[in-house]
Amino acid sequence: MARKKVTLSGEEPKTTDTPAPDMETKADGQHKDYWVLSDEDRSNGFVRPYRDVYTHKTCGFTTHMGMKLAETFAADNTFYTHTFCCTCGQHLPVNEFVWIGTNEEVGS
C-alpha cells in the first residue's frame, strides 16, 4: 500500500518532485516546508521507536526535530535520505547522524 506524503505546513506543495515541497531556504538553512507522511499513515504505527533528537557525527552537536517529522522517521525509516543539522546549517545524508543515547544511525 502506497503511503501518502503531505506538506508539514498543510499547504499545497509548490512541486511534488523535489526533496522538499518548498525548496526555498530560510536564513538558518532549513527549507520553508518539508514532506511528512499523512496523519493516517503515521497513525498506522511505527517500525522504529519514536525519537526526536539526533547527533551529527561530524560536529558532535544535537538537533531536535518536530513531532510530525519524528513520527514520519518512526513510521518509515527510509522516507528521508537527508536531515538537517542545526549547528552546521545544512541538510546532510542521514547516515551522518546517530540517535541521541544510541549509536544507531538515523534512517537505519
C-alpha atoms as a PDB file:
ATOM      1  CA  MET A   1       0.000   0.000   0.000  1.00  0.00           C
ATOM      2  CA  ALA A   2       1.388   3.374  -1.008  1.00  0.00           C
ATOM      3  CA  ARG A   3       1.901   5.904   1.715  1.00  0.00           C
ATOM      4  CA  LYS A   4       0.762   9.465   1.185  1.00  0.00           C
ATOM      5  CA  LYS A   5       3.230  12.297   1.623  1.00  0.00           C
ATOM      6  CA  VAL A   6       1.867  15.694   2.569  1.00  0.00           C
ATOM      7  CA  THR A   7       3.412  19.017   3.493  1.00  0.00           C
ATOM      8  CA  LEU A   8       4.346  19.737   7.086  1.00  0.00           C
ATOM      9  CA  SER A   9       2.649  23.129   6.796  1.00  0.00           C
ATOM     10  CA  GLY A  10      -0.591  21.642   5.467  1.00  0.00           C
ATOM     11  CA  GLU A  11      -0.345  23.907   2.429  1.00  0.00           C
ATOM     12  CA  GLU A  12      -0.409  22.770  -1.183  1.00  0.00           C
ATOM     13  CA  PRO A  13       3.133  21.955  -2.360  1.00  0.00           C
ATOM     14  CA  LYS A  14       4.843  24.124  -4.951  1.00  0.00           C
ATOM     15  CA  THR A  15       6.065  20.897  -6.553  1.00  0.00           C
ATOM     16  CA  THR A  16       5.858  17.163  -5.874  1.00  0.00           C
ATOM     17  CA  ASP A  17       9.108  16.015  -7.471  1.00  0.00           C
ATOM     18  CA  THR A  18      11.679  17.655  -5.182  1.00  0.00           C
ATOM     19  CA  PRO A  19      13.159  16.631  -1.813  1.00  0.00           C
ATOM     20  CA  ALA A  20      11.042  19.317  -0.106  1.00  0.00           C
ATOM     21  CA  PRO A  21       7.712  20.822  -1.200  1.00  0.00           C
ATOM     22  CA  ASP A  22       9.244  24.300  -0.967  1.00  0.00           C
ATOM     23  CA  MET A  23      12.982  24.231  -1.651  1.00  0.00           C
ATOM     24  CA  GLU A  24      13.417  27.900  -0.730  1.00  0.00           C
ATOM     25  CA  THR A  25      15.581  28.147   2.374  1.00  0.00           C
ATOM     26  CA  LYS A  26      15.181  30.314   5.425  1.00  0.00           C
ATOM     27  CA  ALA A  27      18.080  32.272   6.936  1.00  0.00           C
ATOM     28  CA  ASP A  28      19.069  29.283   9.115  1.00  0.00           C
ATOM     29  CA  GLY A  29      19.340  26.961   6.087  1.00  0.00           C
ATOM     30  CA  GLN A  30      16.144  24.991   6.653  1.00  0.00           C
ATOM     31  CA  HIS A  31      13.613  24.640   3.857  1.00  0.00           C
ATOM     32  CA  LYS A  32      10.410  26.634   4.137  1.00  0.00           C
ATOM     33  CA  ASP A  33       8.415  23.367   4.166  1.00  0.00           C
ATOM     34  CA  TYR A  34       9.016  19.630   4.414  1.00  0.00           C
ATOM     35  CA  TRP A  35       7.354  16.392   3.373  1.00  0.00           C
ATOM     36  CA  VAL A  36       5.851  14.174   6.071  1.00  0.00           C
ATOM     37  CA  LEU A  37       3.633  11.117   5.971  1.00  0.00           C
ATOM     38  CA  SER A  38      -0.074  11.826   6.256  1.00  0.00           C
ATOM     39  CA  ASP A  39      -1.737  11.750   9.685  1.00  0.00           C
ATOM     40  CA  GLU A  40      -3.429   8.490   8.678  1.00  0.00           C
ATOM     41  CA  ASP A  41      -0.162   6.821   7.658  1.00  0.00           C
ATOM     42  CA  ARG A  42       1.606   7.970  10.827  1.00  0.00           C
ATOM     43  CA  SER A  43      -1.281   6.649  12.944  1.00  0.00           C
ATOM     44  CA  ASN A  44      -0.851   3.141  11.495  1.00  0.00           C
ATOM     45  CA  GLY A  45       2.118   2.504  13.772  1.00  0.00           C
ATOM     46  CA  PHE A  46       5.862   2.729  13.776  1.00  0.00           C
ATOM     47  CA  VAL A  47       8.585   0.378  12.507  1.00  0.00           C
ATOM     48  CA  ARG A  48      11.185   2.115  14.683  1.00  0.00           C
ATOM     49  CA  PRO A  49      10.985   3.776  18.107  1.00  0.00           C
ATOM     50  CA  TYR A  50       9.839   7.395  18.208  1.00  0.00           C
ATOM     51  CA  ARG A  51      12.936   9.577  18.534  1.00  0.00           C
ATOM     52  CA  ASP A  52      13.235  13.303  18.008  1.00  0.00           C
ATOM     53  CA  VAL A  53      16.844  14.189  18.861  1.00  0.00           C
ATOM     54  CA  TYR A  54      19.936  13.187  16.913  1.00  0.00           C
ATOM     55  CA  THR A  55      23.642  13.998  16.924  1.00  0.00           C
ATOM     56  CA  HIS A  56      25.700  14.916  13.885  1.00  0.00           C
ATOM     57  CA  LYS A  57      28.735  12.629  13.953  1.00  0.00           C
ATOM     58  CA  THR A  58      30.965  15.289  12.353  1.00  0.00           C
ATOM     59  CA  CYS A  59      30.295  18.333  14.529  1.00  0.00           C
ATOM     60  CA  GLY A  60      29.032  16.466  17.625  1.00  0.00           C
ATOM     61  CA  PHE A  61      26.028  18.726  18.213  1.00  0.00           C
ATOM     62  CA  THR A  62      22.396  17.682  18.555  1.00  0.00           C
ATOM     63  CA  THR A  63      19.306  18.686  16.629  1.00  0.00           C
ATOM     64  CA  HIS A  64      15.699  18.378  17.818  1.00  0.00           C
ATOM     65  CA  MET A  65      13.028  17.700  15.218  1.00  0.00           C
ATOM     66  CA  GLY A  66       9.312  18.359  15.319  1.00  0.00           C
ATOM     67  CA  MET A  67       6.779  15.660  16.174  1.00  0.00           C
ATOM     68  CA  LYS A  68       5.420  15.032  12.646  1.00  0.00           C
ATOM     69  CA  LEU A  69       8.948  14.707  11.245  1.00  0.00           C
ATOM     70  CA  ALA A  70       9.943  12.325  14.051  1.00  0.00           C
ATOM     71  CA  GLU A  71       6.767  10.274  13.598  1.00  0.00           C
ATOM     72  CA  THR A  72       7.489  10.018   9.867  1.00  0.00           C
ATOM     73  CA  PHE A  73      11.009   8.699  10.632  1.00  0.00           C
ATOM     74  CA  ALA A  74       9.479   6.184  13.086  1.00  0.00           C
ATOM     75  CA  ALA A  75       6.785   5.069  10.638  1.00  0.00           C
ATOM     76  CA  ASP A  76       9.116   4.764   7.637  1.00  0.00           C
ATOM     77  CA  ASN A  77      12.827   4.869   8.401  1.00  0.00           C
ATOM     78  CA  THR A  78      13.643   5.193   4.667  1.00  0.00           C
ATOM     79  CA  PHE A  79      11.324   8.162   3.968  1.00  0.00           C
ATOM     80  CA  TYR A  80      14.138  10.709   4.271  1.00  0.00           C
ATOM     81  CA  THR A  81      17.587  10.480   2.696  1.00  0.00           C
ATOM     82  CA  HIS A  82      18.850  13.709   4.306  1.00  0.00           C
ATOM     83  CA  THR A  83      18.198  15.551   7.529  1.00  0.00           C
ATOM     84  CA  PHE A  84      19.160  18.923   8.923  1.00  0.00           C
ATOM     85  CA  CYS A  85      21.991  19.812  11.307  1.00  0.00           C
ATOM     86  CA  CYS A  86      21.090  22.990  13.199  1.00  0.00           C
ATOM     87  CA  THR A  87      24.745  23.647  14.044  1.00  0.00           C
ATOM     88  CA  CYS A  88      26.134  23.203  10.520  1.00  0.00           C
ATOM     89  CA  GLY A  89      23.055  24.813   8.971  1.00  0.00           C
ATOM     90  CA  GLN A  90      22.690  22.300   6.183  1.00  0.00           C
ATOM     91  CA  HIS A  91      20.906  19.141   5.063  1.00  0.00           C
ATOM     92  CA  LEU A  92      23.204  16.127   5.094  1.00  0.00           C
ATOM     93  CA  PRO A  93      22.786  12.368   4.456  1.00  0.00           C
ATOM     94  CA  VAL A  94      21.000  10.608   7.328  1.00  0.00           C
ATOM     95  CA  ASN A  95      23.935   8.214   7.829  1.00  0.00           C
ATOM     96  CA  GLU A  96      25.970  11.171   9.154  1.00  0.00           C
ATOM     97  CA  PHE A  97      23.730  11.257  12.249  1.00  0.00           C
ATOM     98  CA  VAL A  98      23.031   8.973  15.208  1.00  0.00           C
ATOM     99  CA  TRP A  99      20.018   8.984  17.500  1.00  0.00           C
ATOM    100  CA  ILE A 100      20.798  10.514  20.875  1.00  0.00           C
ATOM    101  CA  GLY A 101      21.567   7.907  23.528  1.00  0.00           C
ATOM    102  CA  THR A 102      22.432   5.237  20.949  1.00  0.00           C
ATOM    103  CA  ASN A 103      24.958   4.583  18.246  1.00  0.00           C
ATOM    104  CA  GLU A 104      22.141   3.732  15.816  1.00  0.00           C
ATOM    105  CA  GLU A 105      22.365   5.694  12.590  1.00  0.00           C
ATOM    106  CA  VAL A 106      19.361   7.800  11.704  1.00  0.00           C
ATOM    107  CA  GLY A 107      17.475   6.140   8.864  1.00  0.00           C
ATOM    108  CA  SER A 108      18.712   2.631   9.629  1.00  0.00           C
END
